[in-house]
């Protein structure tokens, strides 16, 4: 699967605001890196619980469309690739509601690409 196809499918899941649909794009164990530290997630219910509240800032901004733009991508091994992605978020009037950049570690599984690592980039 091409990375952009995966990201477009992920964007569609994000726009459902469904924690379960969004979590389906992740695999555990999952490692999340941020300025707050490193978090090892070993249970899918933790991913779901994160997204139950994680969608709220986007809902409050009225985000109805998000467009992923791959800034960089590298095939690190046969089954692992990394990508830096700029997400442009748009509201109901088509105006840009915000943007963010994240760095993903993707794993090729028997069920397609899954997010197995995430670096939350400083704005």
PDB file of N, CA and C in Angstrom:
ATOM      1  N   UNK A   1       0.849  -1.187   0.000  1.00  0.00           N
ATOM      2  CA  UNK A   1       0.000   0.000   0.000  1.00  0.00           C
ATOM      3  C   UNK A   1       0.886   1.239   0.000  1.00  0.00           C
ATOM      4  N   UNK A   2       0.504   2.203  -0.789  1.00  0.00           N
ATOM      5  CA  UNK A   2       1.228   3.463  -0.802  1.00  0.00           C
ATOM      6  C   UNK A   2       0.922   4.254   0.461  1.00  0.00           C
ATOM      7  N   UNK A   3       1.910   4.963   0.950  1.00  0.00           N
ATOM      8  CA  UNK A   3       1.753   5.745   2.173  1.00  0.00           C
ATOM      9  C   UNK A   3       0.647   6.776   2.029  1.00  0.00           C
ATOM     10  N   UNK A   4       0.567   7.460   0.899  1.00  0.00           N
ATOM     11  CA  UNK A   4      -0.455   8.504   0.742  1.00  0.00           C
ATOM     12  C   UNK A   4      -1.856   7.894   0.765  1.00  0.00           C
ATOM     13  N   UNK A   5      -2.012   6.697   0.232  1.00  0.00           N
ATOM     14  CA  UNK A   5      -3.309   6.016   0.292  1.00  0.00           C
ATOM     15  C   UNK A   5      -3.686   5.736   1.742  1.00  0.00           C
ATOM     16  N   UNK A   6      -2.718   5.231   2.508  1.00  0.00           N
ATOM     17  CA  UNK A   6      -2.944   4.981   3.933  1.00  0.00           C
ATOM     18  C   UNK A   6      -3.332   6.271   4.648  1.00  0.00           C
ATOM     19  N   UNK A   7      -2.595   7.350   4.385  1.00  0.00           N
ATOM     20  CA  UNK A   7      -2.871   8.618   5.068  1.00  0.00           C
ATOM     21  C   UNK A   7      -4.227   9.190   4.675  1.00  0.00           C
ATOM     22  N   UNK A   8      -4.609   9.053   3.423  1.00  0.00           N
ATOM     23  CA  UNK A   8      -5.942   9.517   3.010  1.00  0.00           C
ATOM     24  C   UNK A   8      -7.037   8.702   3.688  1.00  0.00           C
ATOM     25  N   UNK A   9      -6.834   7.395   3.811  1.00  0.00           N
ATOM     26  CA  UNK A   9      -7.800   6.550   4.525  1.00  0.00           C
ATOM     27  C   UNK A   9      -7.845   6.927   6.005  1.00  0.00           C
ATOM     28  N   UNK A  10      -6.677   7.207   6.586  1.00  0.00           N
ATOM     29  CA  UNK A  10      -6.594   7.641   7.978  1.00  0.00           C
ATOM     30  C   UNK A  10      -7.311   8.979   8.158  1.00  0.00           C
ATOM     31  N   UNK A  11      -7.126   9.896   7.213  1.00  0.00           N
ATOM     32  CA  UNK A  11      -7.811  11.192   7.263  1.00  0.00           C
ATOM     33  C   UNK A  11      -9.325  10.993   7.268  1.00  0.00           C
ATOM     34  N   UNK A  12      -9.813  10.081   6.433  1.00  0.00           N
ATOM     35  CA  UNK A  12     -11.255   9.801   6.394  1.00  0.00           C
ATOM     36  C   UNK A  12     -11.736   9.263   7.737  1.00  0.00           C
ATOM     37  N   UNK A  13     -10.936   8.413   8.368  1.00  0.00           N
ATOM     38  CA  UNK A  13     -11.300   7.891   9.691  1.00  0.00           C
ATOM     39  C   UNK A  13     -11.302   9.007  10.726  1.00  0.00           C
ATOM     40  N   UNK A  14     -10.309   9.888  10.662  1.00  0.00           N
ATOM     41  CA  UNK A  14     -10.254  11.009  11.603  1.00  0.00           C
ATOM     42  C   UNK A  14     -11.514  11.865  11.507  1.00  0.00           C
ATOM     43  N   UNK A  15     -12.004  12.049  10.300  1.00  0.00           N
ATOM     44  CA  UNK A  15     -13.172  12.903  10.091  1.00  0.00           C
ATOM     45  C   UNK A  15     -14.477  12.265  10.550  1.00  0.00           C
ATOM     46  N   UNK A  16     -14.462  10.969  10.860  1.00  0.00           N
ATOM     47  CA  UNK A  16     -15.656  10.324  11.431  1.00  0.00           C
ATOM     48  C   UNK A  16     -15.789  10.672  12.912  1.00  0.00           C
ATOM     49  N   UNK A  17     -14.691  11.127  13.517  1.00  0.00           N
ATOM     50  CA  UNK A  17     -14.630  11.399  14.956  1.00  0.00           C
ATOM     51  C   UNK A  17     -14.909  10.149  15.791  1.00  0.00           C
ATOM     52  N   UNK A  18     -14.774   8.978  15.199  1.00  0.00           N
ATOM     53  CA  UNK A  18     -14.998   7.704  15.884  1.00  0.00           C
ATOM     54  C   UNK A  18     -13.670   7.161  16.403  1.00  0.00           C
ATOM     55  N   UNK A  19     -13.545   7.066  17.717  1.00  0.00           N
ATOM     56  CA  UNK A  19     -12.315   6.561  18.327  1.00  0.00           C
ATOM     57  C   UNK A  19     -11.992   5.157  17.828  1.00  0.00           C
ATOM     58  N   UNK A  20     -13.001   4.326  17.637  1.00  0.00           N
ATOM     59  CA  UNK A  20     -12.771   2.958  17.172  1.00  0.00           C
ATOM     60  C   UNK A  20     -12.260   2.925  15.728  1.00  0.00           C
ATOM     61  N   UNK A  21     -12.832   3.762  14.870  1.00  0.00           N
ATOM     62  CA  UNK A  21     -12.372   3.794  13.473  1.00  0.00           C
ATOM     63  C   UNK A  21     -10.954   4.332  13.376  1.00  0.00           C
ATOM     64  N   UNK A  22     -10.647   5.347  14.158  1.00  0.00           N
ATOM     65  CA  UNK A  22      -9.302   5.926  14.146  1.00  0.00           C
ATOM     66  C   UNK A  22      -8.295   4.916  14.695  1.00  0.00           C
ATOM     67  N   UNK A  23      -8.636   4.261  15.795  1.00  0.00           N
ATOM     68  CA  UNK A  23      -7.730   3.306  16.432  1.00  0.00           C
ATOM     69  C   UNK A  23      -7.394   2.131  15.524  1.00  0.00           C
ATOM     70  N   UNK A  24      -8.243   1.824  14.576  1.00  0.00           N
ATOM     71  CA  UNK A  24      -7.992   0.711  13.653  1.00  0.00           C
ATOM     72  C   UNK A  24      -6.751   0.953  12.792  1.00  0.00           C
ATOM     73  N   UNK A  25      -6.242   2.184  12.748  1.00  0.00           N
ATOM     74  CA  UNK A  25      -5.060   2.502  11.960  1.00  0.00           C
ATOM     75  C   UNK A  25      -3.767   2.351  12.763  1.00  0.00           C
ATOM     76  N   UNK A  26      -3.901   1.947  14.033  1.00  0.00           N
ATOM     77  CA  UNK A  26      -2.757   1.771  14.924  1.00  0.00           C
ATOM     78  C   UNK A  26      -2.554   0.298  15.227  1.00  0.00           C
ATOM     79  N   UNK A  27      -1.338  -0.023  15.652  1.00  0.00           N
ATOM     80  CA  UNK A  27      -1.076  -1.348  16.191  1.00  0.00           C
ATOM     81  C   UNK A  27      -0.388  -1.173  17.537  1.00  0.00           C
ATOM     82  N   UNK A  28      -0.554  -2.128  18.387  1.00  0.00           N
ATOM     83  CA  UNK A  28       0.172  -2.141  19.654  1.00  0.00           C
ATOM     84  C   UNK A  28       1.126  -3.323  19.631  1.00  0.00           C
ATOM     85  N   UNK A  29       2.304  -3.190  20.233  1.00  0.00           N
ATOM     86  CA  UNK A  29       2.719  -2.016  20.990  1.00  0.00           C
ATOM     87  C   UNK A  29       2.960  -0.804  20.082  1.00  0.00           C
ATOM     88  N   UNK A  30       2.697   0.347  20.663  1.00  0.00           N
ATOM     89  CA  UNK A  30       2.838   1.632  19.994  1.00  0.00           C
ATOM     90  C   UNK A  30       3.689   2.512  20.902  1.00  0.00           C
ATOM     91  N   UNK A  31       4.630   3.227  20.309  1.00  0.00           N
ATOM     92  CA  UNK A  31       5.450   4.144  21.090  1.00  0.00           C
ATOM     93  C   UNK A  31       5.170   5.567  20.619  1.00  0.00           C
ATOM     94  N   UNK A  32       4.860   6.439  21.581  1.00  0.00           N
ATOM     95  CA  UNK A  32       4.568   7.839  21.287  1.00  0.00           C
ATOM     96  C   UNK A  32       5.645   8.690  21.956  1.00  0.00           C
ATOM     97  N   UNK A  33       6.285   9.521  21.143  1.00  0.00           N
ATOM     98  CA  UNK A  33       7.344  10.409  21.624  1.00  0.00           C
ATOM     99  C   UNK A  33       6.833  11.844  21.579  1.00  0.00           C
ATOM    100  N   UNK A  34       7.044  12.583  22.656  1.00  0.00           N
ATOM    101  CA  UNK A  34       6.662  13.992  22.691  1.00  0.00           C
ATOM    102  C   UNK A  34       7.535  14.712  23.711  1.00  0.00           C
ATOM    103  N   UNK A  35       7.353  16.017  23.799  1.00  0.00           N
ATOM    104  CA  UNK A  35       8.102  16.784  24.788  1.00  0.00           C
ATOM    105  C   UNK A  35       7.750  16.372  26.211  1.00  0.00           C
ATOM    106  N   UNK A  36       6.604  15.733  26.396  1.00  0.00           N
ATOM    107  CA  UNK A  36       6.195  15.270  27.720  1.00  0.00           C
ATOM    108  C   UNK A  36       6.862  13.953  28.101  1.00  0.00           C
ATOM    109  N   UNK A  37       7.534  13.303  27.134  1.00  0.00           N
ATOM    110  CA  UNK A  37       8.217  12.045  27.413  1.00  0.00           C
ATOM    111  C   UNK A  37       7.874  10.984  26.383  1.00  0.00           C
ATOM    112  N   UNK A  38       8.219   9.759  26.718  1.00  0.00           N
ATOM    113  CA  UNK A  38       7.990   8.617  25.843  1.00  0.00           C
ATOM    114  C   UNK A  38       6.940   7.729  26.488  1.00  0.00           C
ATOM    115  N   UNK A  39       5.924   7.390  25.711  1.00  0.00           N
ATOM    116  CA  UNK A  39       4.819   6.578  26.202  1.00  0.00           C
ATOM    117  C   UNK A  39       4.760   5.279  25.427  1.00  0.00           C
ATOM    118  N   UNK A  40       4.790   4.166  26.137  1.00  0.00           N
ATOM    119  CA  UNK A  40       4.622   2.848  25.539  1.00  0.00           C
ATOM    120  C   UNK A  40       3.165   2.427  25.724  1.00  0.00           C
ATOM    121  N   UNK A  41       2.471   2.219  24.631  1.00  0.00           N
ATOM    122  CA  UNK A  41       1.069   1.812  24.674  1.00  0.00           C
ATOM    123  C   UNK A  41       1.008   0.339  24.290  1.00  0.00           C
ATOM    124  N   UNK A  42       0.491  -0.487  25.179  1.00  0.00           N
ATOM    125  CA  UNK A  42       0.492  -1.928  24.929  1.00  0.00           C
ATOM    126  C   UNK A  42      -0.909  -2.513  24.778  1.00  0.00           C
ATOM    127  N   UNK A  43      -1.925  -1.703  25.002  1.00  0.00           N
ATOM    128  CA  UNK A  43      -3.297  -2.204  24.916  1.00  0.00           C
ATOM    129  C   UNK A  43      -4.108  -1.314  23.984  1.00  0.00           C
ATOM    130  N   UNK A  44      -4.807  -1.916  23.036  1.00  0.00           N
ATOM    131  CA  UNK A  44      -5.588  -1.148  22.069  1.00  0.00           C
ATOM    132  C   UNK A  44      -6.657  -0.305  22.753  1.00  0.00           C
ATOM    133  N   UNK A  45      -7.142  -0.731  23.895  1.00  0.00           N
ATOM    134  CA  UNK A  45      -8.157   0.065  24.592  1.00  0.00           C
ATOM    135  C   UNK A  45      -7.592   1.431  24.997  1.00  0.00           C
ATOM    136  N   UNK A  46      -6.288   1.508  25.230  1.00  0.00           N
ATOM    137  CA  UNK A  46      -5.670   2.799  25.558  1.00  0.00           C
ATOM    138  C   UNK A  46      -5.657   3.729  24.343  1.00  0.00           C
ATOM    139  N   UNK A  47      -5.468   3.167  23.159  1.00  0.00           N
ATOM    140  CA  UNK A  47      -5.520   3.967  21.933  1.00  0.00           C
ATOM    141  C   UNK A  47      -6.937   4.499  21.742  1.00  0.00           C
ATOM    142  N   UNK A  48      -7.912   3.622  21.916  1.00  0.00           N
ATOM    143  CA  UNK A  48      -9.324   4.019  21.780  1.00  0.00           C
ATOM    144  C   UNK A  48      -9.668   5.098  22.800  1.00  0.00           C
ATOM    145  N   UNK A  49      -9.261   4.898  24.046  1.00  0.00           N
ATOM    146  CA  UNK A  49      -9.565   5.874  25.101  1.00  0.00           C
ATOM    147  C   UNK A  49      -8.916   7.225  24.817  1.00  0.00           C
ATOM    148  N   UNK A  50      -7.702   7.220  24.260  1.00  0.00           N
ATOM    149  CA  UNK A  50      -7.064   8.479  23.895  1.00  0.00           C
ATOM    150  C   UNK A  50      -7.923   9.222  22.879  1.00  0.00           C
ATOM    151  N   UNK A  51      -8.367   8.519  21.838  1.00  0.00           N
ATOM    152  CA  UNK A  51      -9.109   9.172  20.766  1.00  0.00           C
ATOM    153  C   UNK A  51     -10.521   9.557  21.167  1.00  0.00           C
ATOM    154  N   UNK A  52     -11.070   8.958  22.233  1.00  0.00           N
ATOM    155  CA  UNK A  52     -12.393   9.378  22.703  1.00  0.00           C
ATOM    156  C   UNK A  52     -12.397  10.865  23.039  1.00  0.00           C
ATOM    157  N   UNK A  53     -11.298  11.343  23.627  1.00  0.00           N
ATOM    158  CA  UNK A  53     -11.188  12.771  23.941  1.00  0.00           C
ATOM    159  C   UNK A  53     -10.279  13.504  22.956  1.00  0.00           C
ATOM    160  N   UNK A  54      -9.397  12.761  22.268  1.00  0.00           N
ATOM    161  CA  UNK A  54      -8.448  13.365  21.346  1.00  0.00           C
ATOM    162  C   UNK A  54      -9.094  14.050  20.156  1.00  0.00           C
ATOM    163  N   UNK A  55     -10.322  13.662  19.830  1.00  0.00           N
ATOM    164  CA  UNK A  55     -11.005  14.281  18.683  1.00  0.00           C
ATOM    165  C   UNK A  55     -11.639  15.625  19.035  1.00  0.00           C
ATOM    166  N   UNK A  56     -11.815  15.897  20.305  1.00  0.00           N
ATOM    167  CA  UNK A  56     -12.566  17.081  20.725  1.00  0.00           C
ATOM    168  C   UNK A  56     -11.994  18.412  20.238  1.00  0.00           C
ATOM    169  N   UNK A  57     -10.668  18.637  20.293  1.00  0.00           N
ATOM    170  CA  UNK A  57     -10.161  19.922  19.776  1.00  0.00           C
ATOM    171  C   UNK A  57     -10.512  20.138  18.302  1.00  0.00           C
ATOM    172  N   UNK A  58     -10.508  19.062  17.528  1.00  0.00           N
ATOM    173  CA  UNK A  58     -10.839  19.176  16.097  1.00  0.00           C
ATOM    174  C   UNK A  58     -12.333  19.443  15.905  1.00  0.00           C
ATOM    175  N   UNK A  59     -13.138  18.807  16.738  1.00  0.00           N
ATOM    176  CA  UNK A  59     -14.590  19.041  16.680  1.00  0.00           C
ATOM    177  C   UNK A  59     -14.896  20.499  17.031  1.00  0.00           C
ATOM    178  N   UNK A  60     -14.217  21.027  18.048  1.00  0.00           N
ATOM    179  CA  UNK A  60     -14.437  22.423  18.465  1.00  0.00           C
ATOM    180  C   UNK A  60     -14.001  23.417  17.396  1.00  0.00           C
ATOM    181  N   UNK A  61     -12.971  23.043  16.615  1.00  0.00           N
ATOM    182  CA  UNK A  61     -12.518  23.909  15.526  1.00  0.00           C
ATOM    183  C   UNK A  61     -13.428  23.784  14.305  1.00  0.00           C
ATOM    184  N   UNK A  62     -14.360  22.843  14.338  1.00  0.00           N
ATOM    185  CA  UNK A  62     -15.256  22.629  13.209  1.00  0.00           C
ATOM    186  C   UNK A  62     -14.583  21.981  12.013  1.00  0.00           C
ATOM    187  N   UNK A  63     -13.557  21.162  12.267  1.00  0.00           N
ATOM    188  CA  UNK A  63     -12.822  20.524  11.176  1.00  0.00           C
ATOM    189  C   UNK A  63     -13.715  19.512  10.467  1.00  0.00           C
ATOM    190  N   UNK A  64     -13.884  19.720   9.164  1.00  0.00           N
ATOM    191  CA  UNK A  64     -14.671  18.795   8.346  1.00  0.00           C
ATOM    192  C   UNK A  64     -13.841  18.209   7.208  1.00  0.00           C
ATOM    193  N   UNK A  65     -12.600  18.693   7.069  1.00  0.00           N
ATOM    194  CA  UNK A  65     -11.708  18.140   6.057  1.00  0.00           C
ATOM    195  C   UNK A  65     -10.280  18.271   6.554  1.00  0.00           C
ATOM    196  N   UNK A  66      -9.489  17.262   6.295  1.00  0.00           N
ATOM    197  CA  UNK A  66      -8.067  17.319   6.617  1.00  0.00           C
ATOM    198  C   UNK A  66      -7.303  16.698   5.461  1.00  0.00           C
ATOM    199  N   UNK A  67      -6.241  17.377   5.080  1.00  0.00           N
ATOM    200  CA  UNK A  67      -5.478  16.956   3.910  1.00  0.00           C
ATOM    201  C   UNK A  67      -4.036  16.664   4.334  1.00  0.00           C
ATOM    202  N   UNK A  68      -3.622  15.393   4.222  1.00  0.00           N
ATOM    203  CA  UNK A  68      -2.235  15.066   4.557  1.00  0.00           C
ATOM    204  C   UNK A  68      -1.294  15.399   3.416  1.00  0.00           C
ATOM    205  N   UNK A  69      -0.171  15.994   3.759  1.00  0.00           N
ATOM    206  CA  UNK A  69       0.876  16.299   2.781  1.00  0.00           C
ATOM    207  C   UNK A  69       2.166  15.668   3.282  1.00  0.00           C
ATOM    208  N   UNK A  70       2.695  14.711   2.536  1.00  0.00           N
ATOM    209  CA  UNK A  70       3.927  14.042   2.940  1.00  0.00           C
ATOM    210  C   UNK A  70       5.101  14.981   2.683  1.00  0.00           C
ATOM    211  N   UNK A  71       5.811  15.316   3.757  1.00  0.00           N
ATOM    212  CA  UNK A  71       6.985  16.181   3.660  1.00  0.00           C
ATOM    213  C   UNK A  71       8.218  15.337   3.343  1.00  0.00           C
ATOM    214  N   UNK A  72       8.306  14.185   4.000  1.00  0.00           N
ATOM    215  CA  UNK A  72       9.408  13.262   3.729  1.00  0.00           C
ATOM    216  C   UNK A  72       8.936  11.843   4.014  1.00  0.00           C
ATOM    217  N   UNK A  73       9.586  10.904   3.351  1.00  0.00           N
ATOM    218  CA  UNK A  73       9.242   9.487   3.523  1.00  0.00           C
ATOM    219  C   UNK A  73      10.486   8.661   3.262  1.00  0.00           C
ATOM    220  N   UNK A  74      10.657   7.610   4.060  1.00  0.00           N
ATOM    221  CA  UNK A  74      11.793   6.720   3.872  1.00  0.00           C
ATOM    222  C   UNK A  74      11.390   5.293   4.188  1.00  0.00           C
ATOM    223  N   UNK A  75      11.790   4.384   3.323  1.00  0.00           N
ATOM    224  CA  UNK A  75      11.583   2.958   3.561  1.00  0.00           C
ATOM    225  C   UNK A  75      12.777   2.497   4.377  1.00  0.00           C
ATOM    226  N   UNK A  76      12.599   2.272   5.673  1.00  0.00           N
ATOM    227  CA  UNK A  76      13.701   1.941   6.571  1.00  0.00           C
ATOM    228  C   UNK A  76      14.101   0.470   6.475  1.00  0.00           C
ATOM    229  N   UNK A  77      13.130  -0.382   6.213  1.00  0.00           N
ATOM    230  CA  UNK A  77      13.389  -1.813   6.057  1.00  0.00           C
ATOM    231  C   UNK A  77      12.268  -2.387   5.197  1.00  0.00           C
ATOM    232  N   UNK A  78      12.251  -3.698   5.061  1.00  0.00           N
ATOM    233  CA  UNK A  78      11.226  -4.329   4.228  1.00  0.00           C
ATOM    234  C   UNK A  78       9.814  -3.997   4.712  1.00  0.00           C
ATOM    235  N   UNK A  79       9.628  -3.915   6.031  1.00  0.00           N
ATOM    236  CA  UNK A  79       8.280  -3.722   6.576  1.00  0.00           C
ATOM    237  C   UNK A  79       8.087  -2.419   7.340  1.00  0.00           C
ATOM    238  N   UNK A  80       9.129  -1.622   7.478  1.00  0.00           N
ATOM    239  CA  UNK A  80       9.038  -0.381   8.259  1.00  0.00           C
ATOM    240  C   UNK A  80       9.345   0.814   7.371  1.00  0.00           C
ATOM    241  N   UNK A  81       8.481   1.826   7.449  1.00  0.00           N
ATOM    242  CA  UNK A  81       8.748   3.094   6.762  1.00  0.00           C
ATOM    243  C   UNK A  81       8.429   4.239   7.712  1.00  0.00           C
ATOM    244  N   UNK A  82       9.036   5.363   7.452  1.00  0.00           N
ATOM    245  CA  UNK A  82       8.780   6.557   8.255  1.00  0.00           C
ATOM    246  C   UNK A  82       8.285   7.663   7.331  1.00  0.00           C
ATOM    247  N   UNK A  83       7.503   8.553   7.897  1.00  0.00           N
ATOM    248  CA  UNK A  83       7.072   9.706   7.108  1.00  0.00           C
ATOM    249  C   UNK A  83       6.767  10.877   8.033  1.00  0.00           C
ATOM    250  N   UNK A  84       7.098  12.034   7.538  1.00  0.00           N
ATOM    251  CA  UNK A  84       6.773  13.294   8.203  1.00  0.00           C
ATOM    252  C   UNK A  84       5.617  13.890   7.424  1.00  0.00           C
ATOM    253  N   UNK A  85       4.527  14.201   8.132  1.00  0.00           N
ATOM    254  CA  UNK A  85       3.287  14.596   7.470  1.00  0.00           C
ATOM    255  C   UNK A  85       2.782  15.925   8.019  1.00  0.00           C
ATOM    256  N   UNK A  86       2.483  16.831   7.101  1.00  0.00           N
ATOM    257  CA  UNK A  86       1.799  18.077   7.439  1.00  0.00           C
ATOM    258  C   UNK A  86       0.312  17.855   7.209  1.00  0.00           C
ATOM    259  N   UNK A  87      -0.478  18.084   8.252  1.00  0.00           N
ATOM    260  CA  UNK A  87      -1.935  17.963   8.161  1.00  0.00           C
ATOM    261  C   UNK A  87      -2.525  19.363   8.102  1.00  0.00           C
ATOM    262  N   UNK A  88      -3.256  19.660   7.040  1.00  0.00           N
ATOM    263  CA  UNK A  88      -3.974  20.922   6.912  1.00  0.00           C
ATOM    264  C   UNK A  88      -5.450  20.650   7.181  1.00  0.00           C
ATOM    265  N   UNK A  89      -5.992  21.327   8.183  1.00  0.00           N
ATOM    266  CA  UNK A  89      -7.372  21.112   8.613  1.00  0.00           C
ATOM    267  C   UNK A  89      -8.254  22.281   8.180  1.00  0.00           C
ATOM    268  N   UNK A  90      -9.436  21.951   7.647  1.00  0.00           N
ATOM    269  CA  UNK A  90     -10.345  22.960   7.123  1.00  0.00           C
ATOM    270  C   UNK A  90     -11.714  22.846   7.790  1.00  0.00           C
ATOM    271  N   UNK A  91     -12.379  24.002   7.980  1.00  0.00           N
ATOM    272  CA  UNK A  91     -13.701  24.020   8.617  1.00  0.00           C
ATOM    273  C   UNK A  91     -14.811  23.992   7.561  1.00  0.00           C
ATOM    274  N   UNK A  92     -16.051  24.112   8.021  1.00  0.00           N
ATOM    275  CA  UNK A  92     -17.200  23.992   7.119  1.00  0.00           C
ATOM    276  C   UNK A  92     -17.235  25.057   6.040  1.00  0.00           C
ATOM    277  N   UNK A  93     -16.634  26.214   6.292  1.00  0.00           N
ATOM    278  CA  UNK A  93     -16.620  27.266   5.274  1.00  0.00           C
ATOM    279  C   UNK A  93     -15.426  27.123   4.325  1.00  0.00           C
ATOM    280  N   UNK A  94     -14.651  26.045   4.505  1.00  0.00           N
ATOM    281  CA  UNK A  94     -13.506  25.812   3.636  1.00  0.00           C
ATOM    282  C   UNK A  94     -12.265  26.569   4.035  1.00  0.00           C
ATOM    283  N   UNK A  95     -12.339  27.276   5.157  1.00  0.00           N
ATOM    284  CA  UNK A  95     -11.178  28.031   5.633  1.00  0.00           C
ATOM    285  C   UNK A  95     -10.279  27.128   6.467  1.00  0.00           C
ATOM    286  N   UNK A  96      -8.988  27.406   6.401  1.00  0.00           N
ATOM    287  CA  UNK A  96      -8.027  26.635   7.165  1.00  0.00           C
ATOM    288  C   UNK A  96      -8.256  26.853   8.657  1.00  0.00           C
ATOM    289  N   UNK A  97      -8.524  25.758   9.367  1.00  0.00           N
ATOM    290  CA  UNK A  97      -8.777  25.829  10.800  1.00  0.00           C
ATOM    291  C   UNK A  97      -7.507  25.580  11.602  1.00  0.00           C
ATOM    292  N   UNK A  98      -6.467  25.123  10.934  1.00  0.00           N
ATOM    293  CA  UNK A  98      -5.206  24.848  11.612  1.00  0.00           C
ATOM    294  C   UNK A  98      -4.386  23.846  10.834  1.00  0.00           C
ATOM    295  N   UNK A  99      -3.189  23.626  11.323  1.00  0.00           N
ATOM    296  CA  UNK A  99      -2.322  22.621  10.728  1.00  0.00           C
ATOM    297  C   UNK A  99      -1.416  22.071  11.812  1.00  0.00           C
ATOM    298  N   UNK A 100      -0.895  20.898  11.562  1.00  0.00           N
ATOM    299  CA  UNK A 100       0.045  20.285  12.485  1.00  0.00           C
ATOM    300  C   UNK A 100       0.924  19.326  11.704  1.00  0.00           C
ATOM    301  N   UNK A 101       2.094  19.083  12.239  1.00  0.00           N
ATOM    302  CA  UNK A 101       3.030  18.168  11.614  1.00  0.00           C
ATOM    303  C   UNK A 101       3.349  17.057  12.595  1.00  0.00           C
ATOM    304  N   UNK A 102       3.286  15.829  12.105  1.00  0.00           N
ATOM    305  CA  UNK A 102       3.641  14.666  12.911  1.00  0.00           C
ATOM    306  C   UNK A 102       4.565  13.767  12.117  1.00  0.00           C
ATOM    307  N   UNK A 103       5.329  12.980  12.837  1.00  0.00           N
ATOM    308  CA  UNK A 103       6.267  12.035  12.249  1.00  0.00           C
ATOM    309  C   UNK A 103       5.774  10.639  12.623  1.00  0.00           C
ATOM    310  N   UNK A 104       5.534   9.803  11.630  1.00  0.00           N
ATOM    311  CA  UNK A 104       4.963   8.480  11.854  1.00  0.00           C
ATOM    312  C   UNK A 104       5.969   7.387  11.532  1.00  0.00           C
ATOM    313  N   UNK A 105       5.925   6.336  12.313  1.00  0.00           N
ATOM    314  CA  UNK A 105       6.610   5.088  11.998  1.00  0.00           C
ATOM    315  C   UNK A 105       5.502   4.106  11.633  1.00  0.00           C
ATOM    316  N   UNK A 106       5.555   3.601  10.403  1.00  0.00           N
ATOM    317  CA  UNK A 106       4.518   2.723   9.886  1.00  0.00           C
ATOM    318  C   UNK A 106       5.070   1.324   9.701  1.00  0.00           C
ATOM    319  N   UNK A 107       4.250   0.342  10.021  1.00  0.00           N
ATOM    320  CA  UNK A 107       4.625  -1.053   9.880  1.00  0.00           C
ATOM    321  C   UNK A 107       3.704  -1.720   8.867  1.00  0.00           C
ATOM    322  N   UNK A 108       4.294  -2.452   7.934  1.00  0.00           N
ATOM    323  CA  UNK A 108       3.521  -3.211   6.957  1.00  0.00           C
ATOM    324  C   UNK A 108       3.123  -4.524   7.624  1.00  0.00           C
ATOM    325  N   UNK A 109       1.821  -4.704   7.828  1.00  0.00           N
ATOM    326  CA  UNK A 109       1.314  -5.914   8.462  1.00  0.00           C
ATOM    327  C   UNK A 109       0.499  -6.700   7.446  1.00  0.00           C
ATOM    328  N   UNK A 110       0.020  -7.862   7.849  1.00  0.00           N
ATOM    329  CA  UNK A 110      -0.829  -8.641   6.944  1.00  0.00           C
ATOM    330  C   UNK A 110      -2.145  -7.926   6.667  1.00  0.00           C
ATOM    331  N   UNK A 111      -2.476  -6.941   7.505  1.00  0.00           N
ATOM    332  CA  UNK A 111      -3.681  -6.133   7.313  1.00  0.00           C
ATOM    333  C   UNK A 111      -3.372  -4.751   6.743  1.00  0.00           C
ATOM    334  N   UNK A 112      -2.220  -4.593   6.122  1.00  0.00           N
ATOM    335  CA  UNK A 112      -1.841  -3.309   5.550  1.00  0.00           C
ATOM    336  C   UNK A 112      -0.990  -2.494   6.506  1.00  0.00           C
ATOM    337  N   UNK A 113      -0.782  -1.231   6.179  1.00  0.00           N
ATOM    338  CA  UNK A 113       0.027  -0.349   7.021  1.00  0.00           C
ATOM    339  C   UNK A 113      -0.682  -0.042   8.326  1.00  0.00           C
ATOM    340  N   UNK A 114       0.100   0.061   9.391  1.00  0.00           N
ATOM    341  CA  UNK A 114      -0.402   0.453  10.708  1.00  0.00           C
ATOM    342  C   UNK A 114       0.604   1.402  11.338  1.00  0.00           C
ATOM    343  N   UNK A 115       0.115   2.325  12.146  1.00  0.00           N
ATOM    344  CA  UNK A 115       0.984   3.242  12.882  1.00  0.00           C
ATOM    345  C   UNK A 115       1.501   2.498  14.112  1.00  0.00           C
ATOM    346  N   UNK A 116       2.838   2.356  14.197  1.00  0.00           N
ATOM    347  CA  UNK A 116       3.429   1.678  15.361  1.00  0.00           C
ATOM    348  C   UNK A 116       4.285   2.637  16.174  1.00  0.00           C
ATOM    349  N   UNK A 117       4.498   3.844  15.650  1.00  0.00           N
ATOM    350  CA  UNK A 117       5.258   4.853  16.361  1.00  0.00           C
ATOM    351  C   UNK A 117       4.829   6.232  15.905  1.00  0.00           C
ATOM    352  N   UNK A 118       4.863   7.175  16.819  1.00  0.00           N
ATOM    353  CA  UNK A 118       4.423   8.530  16.521  1.00  0.00           C
ATOM    354  C   UNK A 118       5.294   9.504  17.281  1.00  0.00           C
ATOM    355  N   UNK A 119       5.808  10.502  16.569  1.00  0.00           N
ATOM    356  CA  UNK A 119       6.539  11.584  17.213  1.00  0.00           C
ATOM    357  C   UNK A 119       5.675  12.830  17.043  1.00  0.00           C
ATOM    358  N   UNK A 120       5.222  13.366  18.169  1.00  0.00           N
ATOM    359  CA  UNK A 120       4.401  14.570  18.139  1.00  0.00           C
ATOM    360  C   UNK A 120       5.369  15.745  18.077  1.00  0.00           C
ATOM    361  N   UNK A 121       5.339  16.454  16.968  1.00  0.00           N
ATOM    362  CA  UNK A 121       6.316  17.497  16.706  1.00  0.00           C
ATOM    363  C   UNK A 121       5.885  18.808  17.368  1.00  0.00           C
ATOM    364  N   UNK A 122       6.873  19.570  17.812  1.00  0.00           N
ATOM    365  CA  UNK A 122       6.621  20.876  18.402  1.00  0.00           C
ATOM    366  C   UNK A 122       6.089  21.809  17.323  1.00  0.00           C
ATOM    367  N   UNK A 123       5.142  22.635  17.682  1.00  0.00           N
ATOM    368  CA  UNK A 123       4.562  23.589  16.715  1.00  0.00           C
ATOM    369  C   UNK A 123       5.464  24.780  16.548  1.00  0.00           C
TER     370      UNK A 123
END
